[in-house]
Amino acid sequence: MTTHSRLTIKGQVTIPKDVRDLLDLKPGDTVAFEQDGDRISVRKAEVPVEPKETPDQFRKRLHALLEQFPPLPSKMSTDEYMAMIREPVPAPR
């Protein structure tokens, strides 16, 4: 089978539908390009699935990140905190 596709100005190319069907490619799939001399082949790539993070692992990671920042003053109101982090608003002229 020989199929053609045109390269865009951004260097992108559409994989023709008959090739996508042959390789069972779906949106979001990853493809691999392999060189053999002056030829390039394309195949559906097997991407290892990252293990999902458990809620407990997420809490531990979040806690470790939050420890990097100083605590907020406990008696500060939301308005006081917002005033502290914002730049002063210039007075109207």
N, C-alpha and C. Protein backbone atom coordinates (compact mmCIF):
# COMPACT_ATOMS: atom_id res chain seq x y z
N MET A 1 0.85 -1.17 0.00
CA MET A 1 0.00 0.00 0.00
C MET A 1 0.90 1.24 0.00
N THR A 2 0.59 2.19 -0.86
CA THR A 2 1.26 3.47 -0.89
C THR A 2 0.20 4.55 -0.74
N THR A 3 0.38 5.40 0.24
CA THR A 3 -0.55 6.50 0.51
C THR A 3 0.26 7.76 0.69
N HIS A 4 -0.33 8.89 0.32
CA HIS A 4 0.38 10.16 0.40
C HIS A 4 -0.35 11.12 1.32
N SER A 5 0.43 12.04 1.89
CA SER A 5 -0.12 13.10 2.72
C SER A 5 0.81 14.29 2.59
N ARG A 6 0.25 15.48 2.66
CA ARG A 6 1.04 16.70 2.46
C ARG A 6 1.52 17.26 3.80
N LEU A 7 2.77 17.71 3.85
CA LEU A 7 3.37 18.31 5.04
C LEU A 7 2.90 19.75 5.17
N THR A 8 2.46 20.15 6.38
CA THR A 8 2.04 21.53 6.59
C THR A 8 3.25 22.42 6.87
N ILE A 9 3.02 23.71 6.93
CA ILE A 9 4.10 24.67 7.21
C ILE A 9 4.70 24.44 8.60
N LYS A 10 3.92 23.84 9.50
CA LYS A 10 4.40 23.55 10.85
C LYS A 10 5.09 22.19 10.95
N GLY A 11 5.25 21.51 9.81
CA GLY A 11 5.90 20.20 9.82
C GLY A 11 4.98 19.07 10.24
N GLN A 12 3.68 19.31 10.22
CA GLN A 12 2.72 18.29 10.61
C GLN A 12 2.20 17.55 9.38
N VAL A 13 1.80 16.32 9.59
CA VAL A 13 1.24 15.52 8.51
C VAL A 13 0.07 14.73 9.07
N THR A 14 -0.98 14.57 8.28
CA THR A 14 -2.12 13.77 8.68
C THR A 14 -1.87 12.33 8.28
N ILE A 15 -2.05 11.42 9.22
CA ILE A 15 -1.94 10.00 8.88
C ILE A 15 -3.23 9.63 8.16
N PRO A 16 -3.13 9.18 6.92
CA PRO A 16 -4.34 8.87 6.15
C PRO A 16 -5.25 7.85 6.86
N LYS A 17 -6.55 7.98 6.62
CA LYS A 17 -7.53 7.15 7.30
C LYS A 17 -7.28 5.66 7.10
N ASP A 18 -6.91 5.24 5.90
CA ASP A 18 -6.69 3.81 5.69
C ASP A 18 -5.51 3.30 6.52
N VAL A 19 -4.50 4.15 6.75
CA VAL A 19 -3.36 3.76 7.59
C VAL A 19 -3.79 3.75 9.06
N ARG A 20 -4.55 4.77 9.48
CA ARG A 20 -5.06 4.79 10.86
C ARG A 20 -5.90 3.55 11.14
N ASP A 21 -6.75 3.18 10.18
CA ASP A 21 -7.58 1.99 10.36
C ASP A 21 -6.72 0.72 10.43
N LEU A 22 -5.73 0.63 9.56
CA LEU A 22 -4.86 -0.55 9.53
C LEU A 22 -4.11 -0.71 10.85
N LEU A 23 -3.65 0.41 11.42
CA LEU A 23 -2.90 0.37 12.68
C LEU A 23 -3.80 0.48 13.91
N ASP A 24 -5.11 0.62 13.68
CA ASP A 24 -6.09 0.79 14.76
C ASP A 24 -5.71 1.99 15.63
N LEU A 25 -5.41 3.11 14.98
CA LEU A 25 -5.04 4.33 15.70
C LEU A 25 -6.30 5.14 16.04
N LYS A 26 -6.36 5.57 17.27
CA LYS A 26 -7.47 6.40 17.75
C LYS A 26 -6.90 7.74 18.22
N PRO A 27 -7.74 8.79 18.30
CA PRO A 27 -7.26 10.08 18.81
C PRO A 27 -6.62 9.91 20.19
N GLY A 28 -5.45 10.50 20.35
CA GLY A 28 -4.72 10.40 21.61
C GLY A 28 -3.70 9.28 21.65
N ASP A 29 -3.76 8.35 20.68
CA ASP A 29 -2.76 7.28 20.63
C ASP A 29 -1.39 7.87 20.30
N THR A 30 -0.35 7.14 20.65
CA THR A 30 1.02 7.54 20.36
C THR A 30 1.55 6.66 19.22
N VAL A 31 2.28 7.31 18.31
CA VAL A 31 2.90 6.56 17.23
C VAL A 31 4.42 6.65 17.37
N ALA A 32 5.10 5.64 16.84
CA ALA A 32 6.56 5.62 16.85
C ALA A 32 7.05 5.66 15.42
N PHE A 33 8.12 6.41 15.17
CA PHE A 33 8.75 6.48 13.86
C PHE A 33 10.10 5.78 13.97
N GLU A 34 10.34 4.85 13.05
CA GLU A 34 11.59 4.09 13.08
C GLU A 34 12.30 4.24 11.74
N GLN A 35 13.62 4.50 11.82
CA GLN A 35 14.42 4.69 10.61
C GLN A 35 15.13 3.40 10.26
N ASP A 36 15.12 3.08 8.96
CA ASP A 36 15.86 1.94 8.43
C ASP A 36 16.48 2.43 7.13
N GLY A 37 17.73 2.90 7.23
CA GLY A 37 18.39 3.48 6.06
C GLY A 37 17.70 4.77 5.67
N ASP A 38 17.22 4.83 4.41
CA ASP A 38 16.55 6.05 3.96
C ASP A 38 15.03 5.93 4.07
N ARG A 39 14.54 4.94 4.80
CA ARG A 39 13.10 4.75 4.98
C ARG A 39 12.71 4.98 6.44
N ILE A 40 11.52 5.52 6.59
CA ILE A 40 10.94 5.72 7.92
C ILE A 40 9.64 4.94 7.96
N SER A 41 9.44 4.18 9.00
CA SER A 41 8.17 3.48 9.17
C SER A 41 7.46 4.05 10.39
N VAL A 42 6.16 3.93 10.37
CA VAL A 42 5.35 4.41 11.48
C VAL A 42 4.57 3.22 12.03
N ARG A 43 4.47 3.15 13.36
CA ARG A 43 3.72 2.07 13.99
C ARG A 43 3.04 2.62 15.24
N LYS A 44 2.03 1.90 15.68
CA LYS A 44 1.37 2.27 16.92
C LYS A 44 2.34 1.95 18.06
N ALA A 45 2.58 2.93 18.92
CA ALA A 45 3.55 2.75 19.99
C ALA A 45 2.87 2.19 21.23
N GLU A 46 3.57 1.32 21.90
CA GLU A 46 3.10 0.82 23.19
C GLU A 46 3.69 1.73 24.25
N VAL A 47 2.84 2.51 24.87
CA VAL A 47 3.28 3.45 25.89
C VAL A 47 3.00 2.84 27.25
N PRO A 48 4.02 2.74 28.11
CA PRO A 48 3.76 2.16 29.43
C PRO A 48 2.78 3.03 30.21
N VAL A 49 1.87 2.38 30.87
CA VAL A 49 0.87 3.10 31.67
C VAL A 49 1.46 3.40 33.03
N GLU A 50 1.42 4.68 33.39
CA GLU A 50 1.90 5.08 34.71
C GLU A 50 0.92 4.59 35.77
N PRO A 51 1.43 4.04 36.85
CA PRO A 51 0.51 3.61 37.90
C PRO A 51 -0.23 4.80 38.50
N LYS A 52 -1.49 4.60 38.79
CA LYS A 52 -2.30 5.67 39.37
C LYS A 52 -1.85 5.93 40.80
N GLU A 53 -1.91 7.17 41.20
CA GLU A 53 -1.56 7.56 42.56
C GLU A 53 -2.77 7.32 43.46
N THR A 54 -2.55 6.67 44.58
CA THR A 54 -3.64 6.43 45.52
C THR A 54 -3.94 7.74 46.26
N PRO A 55 -5.14 7.87 46.82
CA PRO A 55 -5.44 9.08 47.59
C PRO A 55 -4.45 9.32 48.73
N ASP A 56 -4.00 8.26 49.38
CA ASP A 56 -3.03 8.43 50.47
C ASP A 56 -1.69 8.94 49.94
N GLN A 57 -1.26 8.44 48.79
CA GLN A 57 -0.02 8.92 48.18
C GLN A 57 -0.15 10.40 47.80
N PHE A 58 -1.33 10.77 47.27
CA PHE A 58 -1.57 12.16 46.91
C PHE A 58 -1.50 13.07 48.14
N ARG A 59 -2.16 12.65 49.22
CA ARG A 59 -2.13 13.46 50.46
C ARG A 59 -0.71 13.66 50.97
N LYS A 60 0.10 12.59 50.94
CA LYS A 60 1.49 12.69 51.40
C LYS A 60 2.28 13.65 50.52
N ARG A 61 2.08 13.55 49.19
CA ARG A 61 2.79 14.44 48.27
C ARG A 61 2.36 15.88 48.47
N LEU A 62 1.06 16.10 48.63
CA LEU A 62 0.54 17.45 48.86
C LEU A 62 1.07 18.02 50.17
N HIS A 63 1.09 17.20 51.22
CA HIS A 63 1.59 17.66 52.52
C HIS A 63 3.07 18.07 52.42
N ALA A 64 3.85 17.28 51.69
CA ALA A 64 5.28 17.60 51.52
C ALA A 64 5.44 18.92 50.75
N LEU A 65 4.59 19.17 49.75
CA LEU A 65 4.67 20.43 49.01
C LEU A 65 4.29 21.61 49.89
N LEU A 66 3.24 21.45 50.68
CA LEU A 66 2.77 22.54 51.53
C LEU A 66 3.77 22.90 52.62
N GLU A 67 4.58 21.95 53.04
CA GLU A 67 5.59 22.23 54.06
C GLU A 67 6.66 23.19 53.56
N GLN A 68 6.76 23.37 52.26
CA GLN A 68 7.77 24.26 51.69
C GLN A 68 7.40 25.74 51.85
N PHE A 69 6.15 26.02 52.20
CA PHE A 69 5.68 27.40 52.28
C PHE A 69 5.39 27.78 53.72
N PRO A 70 5.66 29.04 54.08
CA PRO A 70 5.39 29.45 55.46
C PRO A 70 3.88 29.48 55.72
N PRO A 71 3.48 29.20 56.95
CA PRO A 71 2.05 29.23 57.26
C PRO A 71 1.51 30.65 57.22
N LEU A 72 0.24 30.77 56.91
CA LEU A 72 -0.41 32.08 56.92
C LEU A 72 -0.75 32.46 58.35
N PRO A 73 -0.76 33.77 58.66
CA PRO A 73 -1.19 34.20 59.99
C PRO A 73 -2.62 33.71 60.25
N SER A 74 -2.84 33.07 61.38
CA SER A 74 -4.12 32.43 61.63
C SER A 74 -5.28 33.41 61.85
N LYS A 75 -4.98 34.62 62.29
CA LYS A 75 -6.07 35.57 62.57
C LYS A 75 -6.27 36.57 61.44
N MET A 76 -5.69 36.31 60.29
CA MET A 76 -5.80 37.23 59.17
C MET A 76 -7.10 36.94 58.41
N SER A 77 -7.84 38.01 58.10
CA SER A 77 -9.06 37.82 57.32
C SER A 77 -8.71 37.66 55.84
N THR A 78 -9.66 37.19 55.07
CA THR A 78 -9.45 37.03 53.63
C THR A 78 -9.10 38.37 52.99
N ASP A 79 -9.81 39.43 53.37
CA ASP A 79 -9.53 40.76 52.80
C ASP A 79 -8.11 41.21 53.15
N GLU A 80 -7.68 40.97 54.39
CA GLU A 80 -6.32 41.35 54.79
C GLU A 80 -5.27 40.56 54.00
N TYR A 81 -5.54 39.27 53.82
CA TYR A 81 -4.61 38.44 53.06
C TYR A 81 -4.52 38.91 51.61
N MET A 82 -5.68 39.19 50.99
CA MET A 82 -5.68 39.66 49.61
C MET A 82 -4.95 40.99 49.48
N ALA A 83 -5.14 41.88 50.44
CA ALA A 83 -4.44 43.16 50.42
C ALA A 83 -2.92 42.96 50.54
N MET A 84 -2.52 41.95 51.32
CA MET A 84 -1.10 41.69 51.53
C MET A 84 -0.44 41.17 50.25
N ILE A 85 -1.13 40.32 49.50
CA ILE A 85 -0.49 39.71 48.32
C ILE A 85 -0.64 40.54 47.05
N ARG A 86 -1.54 41.48 47.04
CA ARG A 86 -1.74 42.31 45.84
C ARG A 86 -0.84 43.53 45.88
N GLU A 87 -0.52 44.01 44.70
CA GLU A 87 0.22 45.25 44.62
C GLU A 87 -0.74 46.39 44.96
N PRO A 88 -0.22 47.46 45.51
CA PRO A 88 -1.11 48.58 45.83
C PRO A 88 -1.79 49.12 44.58
N VAL A 89 -3.05 49.47 44.74
CA VAL A 89 -3.81 50.03 43.63
C VAL A 89 -3.51 51.53 43.62
N PRO A 90 -3.06 52.07 42.46
CA PRO A 90 -2.75 53.51 42.42
C PRO A 90 -4.03 54.33 42.61
N ALA A 91 -3.86 55.46 43.29
CA ALA A 91 -5.00 56.36 43.54
C ALA A 91 -5.42 57.00 42.20
N PRO A 92 -6.73 57.19 42.01
CA PRO A 92 -7.19 57.83 40.78
C PRO A 92 -6.67 59.26 40.68
N ARG A 93 -6.48 59.73 39.49
CA ARG A 93 -5.95 61.09 39.31
C ARG A 93 -7.06 62.06 39.08
